[in-house]
Amino acid sequence: MNSEAILAIGGVVGTLSKFLMMMTGLQGRWTTLLAVFVTTAVFAVWGYSHEDFTRASTWPYFMAWSETLMIAAGSFHTIEEAQKKMAERR
């Protein structure tokens, strides 16, 4: 999986994430679950369209999925919220 594909998927995930956040008004821990769902759904569609999933490509797919999940989490401001909660606990 090349970097262009990761960026293309990340763009779609970021756009869908922002759109869903705006439409649903979700906040807190639900945004994390929605980010995981959006990332997994977009990745599944992309993977299905390429039909090249093999055992040897599992690790690159996982790494690309995790990178794309970070893009979605950033779109939902999940990372900033988690940092604030951790600071409150200290």
N, C-alpha and C. Protein backbone atom coordinates (compact mmCIF):
# COMPACT_ATOMS: atom_id res chain seq x y z
N MET A 1 0.85 -1.17 0.00
CA MET A 1 0.00 0.00 0.00
C MET A 1 0.90 1.23 0.00
N ASN A 2 0.74 2.08 -0.98
CA ASN A 2 1.63 3.23 -1.10
C ASN A 2 1.07 4.45 -0.36
N SER A 3 1.92 5.47 -0.26
CA SER A 3 1.54 6.66 0.50
C SER A 3 0.40 7.43 -0.17
N GLU A 4 0.30 7.36 -1.49
CA GLU A 4 -0.80 8.04 -2.18
C GLU A 4 -2.15 7.45 -1.79
N ALA A 5 -2.20 6.14 -1.66
CA ALA A 5 -3.45 5.49 -1.26
C ALA A 5 -3.81 5.87 0.17
N ILE A 6 -2.82 5.92 1.05
CA ILE A 6 -3.09 6.29 2.44
C ILE A 6 -3.61 7.72 2.51
N LEU A 7 -3.00 8.62 1.76
CA LEU A 7 -3.47 10.00 1.75
C LEU A 7 -4.87 10.13 1.14
N ALA A 8 -5.14 9.36 0.12
CA ALA A 8 -6.48 9.40 -0.49
C ALA A 8 -7.53 8.90 0.50
N ILE A 9 -7.24 7.80 1.15
CA ILE A 9 -8.17 7.27 2.16
C ILE A 9 -8.30 8.25 3.32
N GLY A 10 -7.18 8.81 3.74
CA GLY A 10 -7.21 9.78 4.84
C GLY A 10 -8.05 11.00 4.51
N GLY A 11 -7.99 11.45 3.27
CA GLY A 11 -8.81 12.59 2.86
C GLY A 11 -10.30 12.27 2.93
N VAL A 12 -10.66 11.10 2.48
CA VAL A 12 -12.07 10.68 2.54
C VAL A 12 -12.51 10.52 3.98
N VAL A 13 -11.67 9.89 4.79
CA VAL A 13 -12.01 9.68 6.20
C VAL A 13 -12.12 11.02 6.92
N GLY A 14 -11.19 11.92 6.69
CA GLY A 14 -11.24 13.24 7.32
C GLY A 14 -12.50 14.01 6.93
N THR A 15 -12.84 13.97 5.65
CA THR A 15 -14.04 14.66 5.18
C THR A 15 -15.30 14.06 5.77
N LEU A 16 -15.42 12.74 5.72
CA LEU A 16 -16.60 12.09 6.30
C LEU A 16 -16.68 12.31 7.80
N SER A 17 -15.54 12.29 8.47
CA SER A 17 -15.53 12.50 9.91
C SER A 17 -16.05 13.89 10.27
N LYS A 18 -15.55 14.90 9.58
CA LYS A 18 -16.01 16.26 9.85
C LYS A 18 -17.50 16.41 9.54
N PHE A 19 -17.94 15.82 8.44
CA PHE A 19 -19.34 15.89 8.06
C PHE A 19 -20.23 15.23 9.11
N LEU A 20 -19.85 14.02 9.54
CA LEU A 20 -20.65 13.33 10.54
C LEU A 20 -20.63 14.03 11.89
N MET A 21 -19.50 14.62 12.23
CA MET A 21 -19.42 15.36 13.48
C MET A 21 -20.35 16.56 13.45
N MET A 22 -20.38 17.23 12.32
CA MET A 22 -21.24 18.40 12.18
C MET A 22 -22.71 18.00 12.17
N MET A 23 -23.05 16.90 11.51
CA MET A 23 -24.44 16.48 11.39
C MET A 23 -24.99 15.86 12.67
N THR A 24 -24.18 15.10 13.38
CA THR A 24 -24.67 14.38 14.55
C THR A 24 -24.47 15.15 15.85
N GLY A 25 -23.48 16.01 15.90
CA GLY A 25 -23.18 16.75 17.12
C GLY A 25 -22.60 15.88 18.23
N LEU A 26 -22.04 14.73 17.86
CA LEU A 26 -21.46 13.84 18.86
C LEU A 26 -20.26 14.48 19.54
N GLN A 27 -20.11 14.15 20.82
CA GLN A 27 -18.97 14.63 21.59
C GLN A 27 -18.51 13.53 22.52
N GLY A 28 -17.32 13.72 23.06
CA GLY A 28 -16.81 12.79 24.05
C GLY A 28 -16.36 11.47 23.46
N ARG A 29 -16.61 10.40 24.22
CA ARG A 29 -16.11 9.09 23.83
C ARG A 29 -16.78 8.54 22.57
N TRP A 30 -17.95 9.03 22.24
CA TRP A 30 -18.64 8.54 21.04
C TRP A 30 -17.91 8.94 19.77
N THR A 31 -17.19 10.05 19.81
CA THR A 31 -16.44 10.45 18.62
C THR A 31 -15.33 9.45 18.31
N THR A 32 -14.74 8.86 19.34
CA THR A 32 -13.70 7.85 19.12
C THR A 32 -14.28 6.64 18.42
N LEU A 33 -15.42 6.17 18.88
CA LEU A 33 -16.05 5.01 18.24
C LEU A 33 -16.48 5.33 16.81
N LEU A 34 -16.97 6.54 16.59
CA LEU A 34 -17.35 6.92 15.24
C LEU A 34 -16.13 7.01 14.33
N ALA A 35 -15.01 7.49 14.86
CA ALA A 35 -13.78 7.56 14.08
C ALA A 35 -13.32 6.17 13.67
N VAL A 36 -13.39 5.22 14.60
CA VAL A 36 -13.01 3.84 14.28
C VAL A 36 -13.96 3.27 13.23
N PHE A 37 -15.24 3.52 13.37
CA PHE A 37 -16.22 3.01 12.40
C PHE A 37 -16.00 3.60 11.01
N VAL A 38 -15.83 4.91 10.93
CA VAL A 38 -15.63 5.56 9.63
C VAL A 38 -14.36 5.05 8.97
N THR A 39 -13.28 4.96 9.74
CA THR A 39 -12.01 4.47 9.19
C THR A 39 -12.14 3.05 8.67
N THR A 40 -12.75 2.19 9.46
CA THR A 40 -12.91 0.79 9.06
C THR A 40 -13.80 0.66 7.83
N ALA A 41 -14.88 1.42 7.78
CA ALA A 41 -15.79 1.36 6.63
C ALA A 41 -15.12 1.82 5.35
N VAL A 42 -14.42 2.95 5.41
CA VAL A 42 -13.74 3.46 4.21
C VAL A 42 -12.63 2.52 3.79
N PHE A 43 -11.90 1.98 4.75
CA PHE A 43 -10.83 1.04 4.44
C PHE A 43 -11.38 -0.23 3.80
N ALA A 44 -12.51 -0.70 4.29
CA ALA A 44 -13.12 -1.91 3.72
C ALA A 44 -13.53 -1.67 2.27
N VAL A 45 -14.10 -0.52 2.00
CA VAL A 45 -14.49 -0.20 0.61
C VAL A 45 -13.27 -0.11 -0.27
N TRP A 46 -12.22 0.55 0.22
CA TRP A 46 -11.00 0.67 -0.58
C TRP A 46 -10.39 -0.71 -0.82
N GLY A 47 -10.27 -1.52 0.22
CA GLY A 47 -9.70 -2.85 0.08
C GLY A 47 -10.50 -3.74 -0.85
N TYR A 48 -11.81 -3.64 -0.75
CA TYR A 48 -12.68 -4.43 -1.63
C TYR A 48 -12.50 -4.03 -3.10
N SER A 49 -12.28 -2.75 -3.33
CA SER A 49 -12.12 -2.29 -4.71
C SER A 49 -10.78 -2.72 -5.30
N HIS A 50 -9.79 -3.06 -4.46
CA HIS A 50 -8.48 -3.47 -4.97
C HIS A 50 -8.29 -4.97 -5.02
N GLU A 51 -9.01 -5.71 -4.22
CA GLU A 51 -9.00 -7.18 -4.24
C GLU A 51 -7.60 -7.78 -4.19
N ASP A 52 -6.69 -7.18 -3.46
CA ASP A 52 -5.34 -7.73 -3.39
C ASP A 52 -4.93 -8.06 -1.95
N PHE A 53 -5.88 -8.35 -1.11
CA PHE A 53 -5.57 -8.64 0.29
C PHE A 53 -5.04 -10.07 0.42
N THR A 54 -3.81 -10.18 0.87
CA THR A 54 -3.18 -11.47 1.12
C THR A 54 -2.53 -11.44 2.50
N ARG A 55 -2.07 -12.58 2.93
CA ARG A 55 -1.41 -12.64 4.24
C ARG A 55 -0.18 -11.74 4.27
N ALA A 56 0.54 -11.68 3.18
CA ALA A 56 1.75 -10.87 3.12
C ALA A 56 1.46 -9.37 3.19
N SER A 57 0.27 -8.96 2.83
CA SER A 57 -0.07 -7.54 2.85
C SER A 57 -0.82 -7.13 4.12
N THR A 58 -0.94 -8.01 5.09
CA THR A 58 -1.69 -7.70 6.30
C THR A 58 -1.05 -6.56 7.09
N TRP A 59 0.25 -6.60 7.29
CA TRP A 59 0.91 -5.57 8.07
C TRP A 59 0.82 -4.19 7.41
N PRO A 60 1.11 -4.04 6.13
CA PRO A 60 0.95 -2.72 5.51
C PRO A 60 -0.49 -2.20 5.60
N TYR A 61 -1.47 -3.09 5.46
CA TYR A 61 -2.87 -2.67 5.59
C TYR A 61 -3.15 -2.18 7.01
N PHE A 62 -2.66 -2.92 8.00
CA PHE A 62 -2.88 -2.51 9.39
C PHE A 62 -2.22 -1.17 9.68
N MET A 63 -0.99 -0.99 9.23
CA MET A 63 -0.29 0.27 9.46
C MET A 63 -1.02 1.43 8.78
N ALA A 64 -1.49 1.21 7.58
CA ALA A 64 -2.24 2.25 6.88
C ALA A 64 -3.56 2.55 7.58
N TRP A 65 -4.22 1.50 8.08
CA TRP A 65 -5.47 1.70 8.82
C TRP A 65 -5.23 2.53 10.08
N SER A 66 -4.16 2.21 10.81
CA SER A 66 -3.89 2.95 12.05
C SER A 66 -3.53 4.40 11.76
N GLU A 67 -2.81 4.65 10.68
CA GLU A 67 -2.49 6.03 10.30
C GLU A 67 -3.76 6.79 9.91
N THR A 68 -4.62 6.13 9.18
CA THR A 68 -5.88 6.76 8.78
C THR A 68 -6.78 6.99 9.99
N LEU A 69 -6.74 6.10 10.96
CA LEU A 69 -7.51 6.30 12.20
C LEU A 69 -7.02 7.53 12.94
N MET A 70 -5.73 7.78 12.92
CA MET A 70 -5.21 8.99 13.57
C MET A 70 -5.70 10.24 12.86
N ILE A 71 -5.85 10.18 11.54
CA ILE A 71 -6.41 11.31 10.80
C ILE A 71 -7.86 11.55 11.23
N ALA A 72 -8.63 10.47 11.35
CA ALA A 72 -10.02 10.60 11.79
C ALA A 72 -10.10 11.11 13.22
N ALA A 73 -9.25 10.60 14.09
CA ALA A 73 -9.25 11.05 15.48
C ALA A 73 -8.90 12.53 15.57
N GLY A 74 -8.00 12.98 14.72
CA GLY A 74 -7.68 14.40 14.69
C GLY A 74 -8.84 15.23 14.20
N SER A 75 -9.60 14.70 13.26
CA SER A 75 -10.77 15.41 12.76
C SER A 75 -11.83 15.58 13.84
N PHE A 76 -11.95 14.61 14.70
CA PHE A 76 -12.93 14.67 15.78
C PHE A 76 -12.38 15.34 17.03
N HIS A 77 -11.14 15.79 17.00
CA HIS A 77 -10.48 16.39 18.15
C HIS A 77 -10.40 15.41 19.32
N THR A 78 -10.39 14.13 19.02
CA THR A 78 -10.34 13.11 20.06
C THR A 78 -9.01 13.16 20.80
N ILE A 79 -7.95 13.44 20.10
CA ILE A 79 -6.63 13.46 20.72
C ILE A 79 -6.54 14.58 21.73
N GLU A 80 -7.03 15.77 21.38
CA GLU A 80 -6.99 16.89 22.31
C GLU A 80 -7.85 16.62 23.55
N GLU A 81 -9.02 16.02 23.35
CA GLU A 81 -9.89 15.69 24.48
C GLU A 81 -9.22 14.68 25.40
N ALA A 82 -8.56 13.69 24.83
CA ALA A 82 -7.88 12.69 25.65
C ALA A 82 -6.75 13.32 26.46
N GLN A 83 -6.02 14.25 25.85
CA GLN A 83 -4.94 14.93 26.57
C GLN A 83 -5.50 15.75 27.73
N LYS A 84 -6.62 16.43 27.51
CA LYS A 84 -7.24 17.21 28.58
C LYS A 84 -7.69 16.31 29.73
N LYS A 85 -8.29 15.17 29.40
CA LYS A 85 -8.75 14.26 30.44
C LYS A 85 -7.59 13.68 31.23
N MET A 86 -6.49 13.38 30.55
CA MET A 86 -5.32 12.85 31.25
C MET A 86 -4.73 13.91 32.17
N ALA A 87 -4.73 15.17 31.70
CA ALA A 87 -4.20 16.25 32.53
C ALA A 87 -5.08 16.47 33.76
N GLU A 88 -6.40 16.30 33.62
CA GLU A 88 -7.32 16.44 34.75
C GLU A 88 -7.10 15.37 35.79
N ARG A 89 -6.73 14.18 35.34
CA ARG A 89 -6.53 13.06 36.27
C ARG A 89 -5.25 13.18 37.07
N ARG A 90 -4.30 13.96 36.59
CA ARG A 90 -3.00 14.10 37.28
C ARG A 90 -3.09 15.01 38.43
